Structures are given as structure tokens and as C-alpha cells.
């Protein structure tokens, strides 16, 4: 399976937003917007579901520009959080990795 590891360790290749973008799939965009509205309690529309991946060239989901994790990685000129010596103790990552432990494993696999 293809892996496109985001700054935080999530696999963008399995993200519904990226899949919908790459396939230009409006049905999946609508389904993803509805799912994310519930999950994140945010007003997300199908038109917002466009992203090629956190570290890939191209369009990004609106949250990417304000993502503290991505901004931290970029400010340190890192590729991902795997490049940081605070990987397992970073306060920015604790919540995400609590709910997505595979993201931490993805980052560890990069070293």
C-alpha cells in the first residue's frame, strides 16, 4: 500500500480528502464533508474537500495552513515530526497520537 506520511504521521494516501481530490470524486467529497462535520464539529462543505497531501505539491485542505503541527515542522525546516528529538513527548502530538497511534508508528518507521 502506498504511504504518503504527513508532518504528523498520518498517512495521506488513505485520507478520504486526498482520495476524493485525486479521483475528482464529488460523492466522496460530500460523504467526507458530512463525516468530518460530525467528527470535528466544524462547518465543512464538499467544496472544501480538496487536498493532495500535507507534504505534496498542490491544493491543501483549509486546515493545513493553520495546523500547528505542520507549521512547527516547517518552521524547523523538518520533513516530518520524525526529524524532531521531541517526537514522543511533543505536546502538539499527544492528542493526535492518542487517537491515531498508527501515525506515531508511521513517524518511527521513517527513522
N, C-alpha and C. Protein backbone atom coordinates (compact mmCIF):
# COMPACT_ATOMS: atom_id res chain seq x y z
N UNK A 1 0.84 -1.18 0.00
CA UNK A 1 0.00 0.00 0.00
C UNK A 1 0.89 1.25 0.00
N UNK A 2 0.49 2.21 -0.78
CA UNK A 2 1.22 3.48 -0.86
C UNK A 2 1.12 4.22 0.47
N UNK A 3 2.22 4.85 0.85
CA UNK A 3 2.21 5.69 2.04
C UNK A 3 2.73 7.07 1.66
N UNK A 4 1.99 8.08 2.09
CA UNK A 4 2.40 9.48 1.98
C UNK A 4 2.28 10.05 3.38
N UNK A 5 3.35 10.01 4.12
CA UNK A 5 3.31 10.37 5.53
C UNK A 5 3.30 11.89 5.70
N UNK A 6 2.27 12.37 6.36
CA UNK A 6 2.12 13.79 6.66
C UNK A 6 3.11 14.20 7.74
N UNK A 7 3.22 15.49 7.96
CA UNK A 7 4.10 16.01 9.01
C UNK A 7 3.86 15.32 10.34
N UNK A 8 2.60 15.07 10.67
CA UNK A 8 2.21 14.49 11.96
C UNK A 8 2.27 12.97 12.00
N UNK A 9 2.41 12.34 10.85
CA UNK A 9 2.47 10.90 10.80
C UNK A 9 1.25 10.23 10.18
N UNK A 10 0.17 10.97 10.00
CA UNK A 10 -0.99 10.38 9.33
C UNK A 10 -0.60 10.02 7.90
N UNK A 11 -1.24 9.00 7.36
CA UNK A 11 -0.95 8.57 6.00
C UNK A 11 -1.93 9.25 5.05
N UNK A 12 -1.46 10.25 4.33
CA UNK A 12 -2.31 10.99 3.41
C UNK A 12 -2.86 10.10 2.29
N UNK A 13 -2.16 9.03 1.96
CA UNK A 13 -2.62 8.14 0.89
C UNK A 13 -3.94 7.47 1.24
N UNK A 14 -4.26 7.36 2.52
CA UNK A 14 -5.51 6.73 2.94
C UNK A 14 -6.57 7.75 3.36
N UNK A 15 -6.27 9.02 3.21
CA UNK A 15 -7.19 10.10 3.61
C UNK A 15 -8.27 10.28 2.54
N UNK A 16 -9.51 10.32 2.99
CA UNK A 16 -10.63 10.48 2.06
C UNK A 16 -10.56 11.79 1.27
N UNK A 17 -10.04 12.84 1.87
CA UNK A 17 -9.92 14.12 1.16
C UNK A 17 -8.95 13.98 -0.02
N UNK A 18 -7.83 13.34 0.22
CA UNK A 18 -6.86 13.16 -0.86
C UNK A 18 -7.41 12.21 -1.92
N UNK A 19 -8.02 11.14 -1.49
CA UNK A 19 -8.58 10.18 -2.44
C UNK A 19 -9.63 10.86 -3.31
N UNK A 20 -10.52 11.64 -2.70
CA UNK A 20 -11.55 12.35 -3.46
C UNK A 20 -10.93 13.35 -4.42
N UNK A 21 -9.88 14.03 -3.99
CA UNK A 21 -9.21 15.01 -4.84
C UNK A 21 -8.57 14.34 -6.04
N UNK A 22 -7.81 13.30 -5.78
CA UNK A 22 -7.08 12.63 -6.85
C UNK A 22 -8.02 11.98 -7.86
N UNK A 23 -9.17 11.49 -7.39
CA UNK A 23 -10.14 10.84 -8.27
C UNK A 23 -11.21 11.82 -8.78
N UNK A 24 -11.16 13.07 -8.30
CA UNK A 24 -12.18 14.07 -8.61
C UNK A 24 -13.58 13.48 -8.35
N UNK A 25 -13.73 12.93 -7.16
CA UNK A 25 -14.93 12.19 -6.76
C UNK A 25 -15.82 13.07 -5.87
N UNK A 26 -16.85 13.66 -6.47
CA UNK A 26 -17.72 14.56 -5.71
C UNK A 26 -18.59 13.83 -4.70
N UNK A 27 -18.91 12.58 -4.95
CA UNK A 27 -19.69 11.79 -3.99
C UNK A 27 -18.85 11.59 -2.72
N UNK A 28 -17.59 11.21 -2.88
CA UNK A 28 -16.72 11.02 -1.72
C UNK A 28 -16.46 12.36 -1.02
N UNK A 29 -16.36 13.45 -1.76
CA UNK A 29 -16.20 14.77 -1.13
C UNK A 29 -17.39 15.06 -0.21
N UNK A 30 -18.58 14.81 -0.70
CA UNK A 30 -19.80 15.06 0.08
C UNK A 30 -19.83 14.16 1.32
N UNK A 31 -19.54 12.88 1.14
CA UNK A 31 -19.52 11.95 2.27
C UNK A 31 -18.48 12.35 3.30
N UNK A 32 -17.31 12.76 2.84
CA UNK A 32 -16.23 13.16 3.75
C UNK A 32 -16.60 14.42 4.50
N UNK A 33 -17.18 15.38 3.82
CA UNK A 33 -17.59 16.63 4.48
C UNK A 33 -18.59 16.33 5.58
N UNK A 34 -19.55 15.48 5.32
CA UNK A 34 -20.56 15.13 6.32
C UNK A 34 -19.91 14.41 7.51
N UNK A 35 -19.04 13.47 7.22
CA UNK A 35 -18.36 12.71 8.29
C UNK A 35 -17.50 13.65 9.14
N UNK A 36 -16.76 14.54 8.51
CA UNK A 36 -15.87 15.45 9.24
C UNK A 36 -16.64 16.51 10.01
N UNK A 37 -17.81 16.91 9.51
CA UNK A 37 -18.65 17.86 10.26
C UNK A 37 -18.98 17.28 11.63
N UNK A 38 -19.37 16.02 11.63
CA UNK A 38 -19.73 15.34 12.88
C UNK A 38 -18.49 15.13 13.74
N UNK A 39 -17.44 14.63 13.15
CA UNK A 39 -16.24 14.27 13.91
C UNK A 39 -15.55 15.48 14.52
N UNK A 40 -15.52 16.59 13.78
CA UNK A 40 -14.74 17.75 14.22
C UNK A 40 -15.61 18.93 14.66
N UNK A 41 -16.92 18.80 14.52
CA UNK A 41 -17.81 19.87 14.94
C UNK A 41 -17.54 21.18 14.22
N UNK A 42 -17.22 21.07 12.94
CA UNK A 42 -16.88 22.26 12.15
C UNK A 42 -17.78 22.31 10.92
N UNK A 43 -17.94 23.49 10.39
CA UNK A 43 -18.73 23.68 9.18
C UNK A 43 -17.85 23.36 7.97
N UNK A 44 -17.94 22.15 7.50
CA UNK A 44 -17.12 21.70 6.38
C UNK A 44 -18.04 21.37 5.22
N UNK A 45 -17.74 21.96 4.07
CA UNK A 45 -18.54 21.73 2.87
C UNK A 45 -17.80 20.82 1.90
N UNK A 46 -18.52 20.19 0.99
CA UNK A 46 -17.85 19.35 -0.01
C UNK A 46 -16.81 20.12 -0.82
N UNK A 47 -17.05 21.39 -1.05
CA UNK A 47 -16.11 22.22 -1.81
C UNK A 47 -14.77 22.37 -1.10
N UNK A 48 -14.77 22.18 0.20
CA UNK A 48 -13.54 22.30 0.99
C UNK A 48 -12.70 21.02 0.95
N UNK A 49 -13.30 19.94 0.48
CA UNK A 49 -12.61 18.65 0.47
C UNK A 49 -11.75 18.55 -0.79
N UNK A 50 -10.60 19.18 -0.72
CA UNK A 50 -9.62 19.17 -1.79
C UNK A 50 -8.25 19.22 -1.15
N UNK A 51 -7.46 18.17 -1.35
CA UNK A 51 -6.13 18.15 -0.76
C UNK A 51 -5.29 17.08 -1.47
N UNK A 52 -4.08 17.43 -1.81
CA UNK A 52 -3.17 16.46 -2.43
C UNK A 52 -2.26 15.81 -1.41
N UNK A 53 -2.31 16.30 -0.18
CA UNK A 53 -1.47 15.76 0.89
C UNK A 53 -0.66 16.86 1.53
N UNK A 54 -0.45 16.73 2.81
CA UNK A 54 0.22 17.74 3.62
C UNK A 54 1.58 18.16 3.07
N UNK A 55 2.33 17.20 2.56
CA UNK A 55 3.69 17.48 2.12
C UNK A 55 3.85 17.40 0.61
N UNK A 56 2.74 17.24 -0.10
CA UNK A 56 2.77 17.12 -1.56
C UNK A 56 2.46 18.47 -2.21
N UNK A 57 2.92 18.64 -3.43
CA UNK A 57 2.58 19.83 -4.20
C UNK A 57 1.08 19.81 -4.48
N UNK A 58 0.49 20.98 -4.59
CA UNK A 58 -0.92 21.07 -4.97
C UNK A 58 -1.79 21.64 -3.87
N UNK A 59 -3.07 21.53 -4.08
CA UNK A 59 -4.08 22.10 -3.20
C UNK A 59 -4.05 21.44 -1.82
N UNK A 60 -4.38 22.22 -0.81
CA UNK A 60 -4.41 21.73 0.57
C UNK A 60 -5.79 21.98 1.18
N UNK A 61 -6.18 21.10 2.09
CA UNK A 61 -7.40 21.31 2.88
C UNK A 61 -7.20 22.59 3.70
N UNK A 62 -8.25 23.33 3.93
CA UNK A 62 -8.17 24.62 4.62
C UNK A 62 -7.42 24.55 5.95
N UNK A 63 -7.57 23.49 6.69
CA UNK A 63 -6.92 23.37 8.00
C UNK A 63 -5.40 23.34 7.90
N UNK A 64 -4.86 22.90 6.79
CA UNK A 64 -3.40 22.75 6.65
C UNK A 64 -2.66 24.06 6.94
N UNK A 65 -3.20 25.17 6.50
CA UNK A 65 -2.50 26.44 6.71
C UNK A 65 -2.45 26.86 8.17
N UNK A 66 -3.38 26.36 8.98
CA UNK A 66 -3.41 26.71 10.40
C UNK A 66 -2.99 25.56 11.31
N UNK A 67 -2.59 24.44 10.73
CA UNK A 67 -2.21 23.26 11.52
C UNK A 67 -0.92 23.56 12.29
N UNK A 68 -1.03 23.52 13.62
CA UNK A 68 0.14 23.81 14.47
C UNK A 68 1.28 22.83 14.24
N UNK A 69 0.93 21.59 14.01
CA UNK A 69 1.97 20.57 13.80
C UNK A 69 2.71 20.85 12.50
N UNK A 70 1.97 21.04 11.43
CA UNK A 70 2.59 21.32 10.12
C UNK A 70 3.42 22.60 10.18
N UNK A 71 2.88 23.64 10.82
CA UNK A 71 3.60 24.91 10.92
C UNK A 71 4.89 24.75 11.73
N UNK A 72 4.85 23.94 12.78
CA UNK A 72 6.04 23.69 13.59
C UNK A 72 7.11 22.98 12.76
N UNK A 73 6.70 21.93 12.05
CA UNK A 73 7.63 21.18 11.20
C UNK A 73 8.28 22.11 10.17
N UNK A 74 7.47 22.93 9.53
CA UNK A 74 8.00 23.84 8.51
C UNK A 74 8.92 24.89 9.12
N UNK A 75 8.58 25.39 10.30
CA UNK A 75 9.42 26.42 10.93
C UNK A 75 10.80 25.89 11.31
N UNK A 76 10.87 24.58 11.54
CA UNK A 76 12.16 23.97 11.91
C UNK A 76 12.87 23.39 10.69
N UNK A 77 12.27 23.57 9.52
CA UNK A 77 12.82 23.06 8.27
C UNK A 77 12.98 21.54 8.29
N UNK A 78 12.03 20.87 8.95
CA UNK A 78 11.99 19.41 9.00
C UNK A 78 11.08 18.91 7.88
N UNK A 79 11.18 17.62 7.59
CA UNK A 79 10.24 16.98 6.67
C UNK A 79 8.98 16.55 7.42
N UNK A 80 9.18 15.93 8.59
CA UNK A 80 8.08 15.46 9.44
C UNK A 80 8.51 15.59 10.90
N UNK A 81 7.62 15.26 11.78
CA UNK A 81 7.94 15.24 13.21
C UNK A 81 8.98 14.18 13.55
N UNK A 82 9.19 13.23 12.67
CA UNK A 82 10.20 12.20 12.89
C UNK A 82 11.60 12.80 12.97
N UNK A 83 11.78 13.97 12.40
CA UNK A 83 13.08 14.65 12.42
C UNK A 83 13.37 15.36 13.74
N UNK A 84 12.38 15.40 14.62
CA UNK A 84 12.49 16.15 15.87
C UNK A 84 12.82 15.20 17.03
N UNK A 85 13.71 15.64 17.91
CA UNK A 85 14.07 14.80 19.07
C UNK A 85 12.99 14.78 20.14
N UNK A 86 11.94 15.58 19.99
CA UNK A 86 10.83 15.59 20.95
C UNK A 86 9.63 14.77 20.47
N UNK A 87 9.84 13.95 19.46
CA UNK A 87 8.76 13.20 18.82
C UNK A 87 7.78 12.56 19.80
N UNK A 88 8.28 11.81 20.75
CA UNK A 88 7.38 11.07 21.64
C UNK A 88 6.89 11.87 22.84
N UNK A 89 7.41 13.07 23.02
CA UNK A 89 7.00 13.90 24.17
C UNK A 89 6.46 15.26 23.75
N UNK A 90 6.13 15.41 22.50
CA UNK A 90 5.67 16.71 22.00
C UNK A 90 4.21 16.97 22.39
N UNK A 91 3.95 18.10 23.03
CA UNK A 91 2.57 18.41 23.42
C UNK A 91 1.64 18.63 22.22
N UNK A 92 2.20 18.97 21.06
CA UNK A 92 1.36 19.14 19.87
C UNK A 92 0.87 17.80 19.33
N UNK A 93 1.61 16.74 19.58
CA UNK A 93 1.29 15.44 19.02
C UNK A 93 0.50 14.52 19.94
N UNK A 94 0.51 14.79 21.22
CA UNK A 94 -0.09 13.88 22.21
C UNK A 94 -1.52 13.51 21.87
N UNK A 95 -2.37 14.48 21.63
CA UNK A 95 -3.79 14.18 21.36
C UNK A 95 -3.97 13.40 20.07
N UNK A 96 -3.29 13.83 19.04
CA UNK A 96 -3.42 13.14 17.76
C UNK A 96 -2.99 11.68 17.88
N UNK A 97 -1.84 11.46 18.47
CA UNK A 97 -1.32 10.09 18.55
C UNK A 97 -2.10 9.24 19.54
N UNK A 98 -2.83 9.86 20.45
CA UNK A 98 -3.70 9.11 21.35
C UNK A 98 -4.84 8.47 20.54
N UNK A 99 -5.35 9.22 19.55
CA UNK A 99 -6.47 8.74 18.75
C UNK A 99 -6.03 8.07 17.45
N UNK A 100 -4.79 8.29 17.05
CA UNK A 100 -4.27 7.69 15.82
C UNK A 100 -2.85 7.17 16.09
N UNK A 101 -2.75 6.10 16.88
CA UNK A 101 -1.42 5.57 17.23
C UNK A 101 -0.62 5.13 16.02
N UNK A 102 -1.30 4.79 14.93
CA UNK A 102 -0.59 4.41 13.71
C UNK A 102 0.22 5.58 13.15
N UNK A 103 -0.19 6.80 13.44
CA UNK A 103 0.56 7.97 12.98
C UNK A 103 1.93 8.02 13.65
N UNK A 104 1.99 7.72 14.93
CA UNK A 104 3.28 7.67 15.62
C UNK A 104 4.14 6.56 15.05
N UNK A 105 3.55 5.41 14.80
CA UNK A 105 4.30 4.29 14.22
C UNK A 105 4.83 4.64 12.83
N UNK A 106 4.01 5.36 12.05
CA UNK A 106 4.47 5.81 10.73
C UNK A 106 5.70 6.70 10.85
N UNK A 107 5.68 7.61 11.81
CA UNK A 107 6.83 8.50 12.00
C UNK A 107 8.06 7.73 12.44
N UNK A 108 7.87 6.79 13.36
CA UNK A 108 9.00 5.98 13.84
C UNK A 108 9.60 5.16 12.69
N UNK A 109 8.78 4.75 11.75
CA UNK A 109 9.28 3.93 10.64
C UNK A 109 10.13 4.74 9.66
N UNK A 110 10.06 6.06 9.75
CA UNK A 110 10.85 6.91 8.84
C UNK A 110 12.30 7.03 9.29
N UNK A 111 12.57 6.71 10.53
CA UNK A 111 13.95 6.83 11.05
C UNK A 111 14.74 5.57 10.85
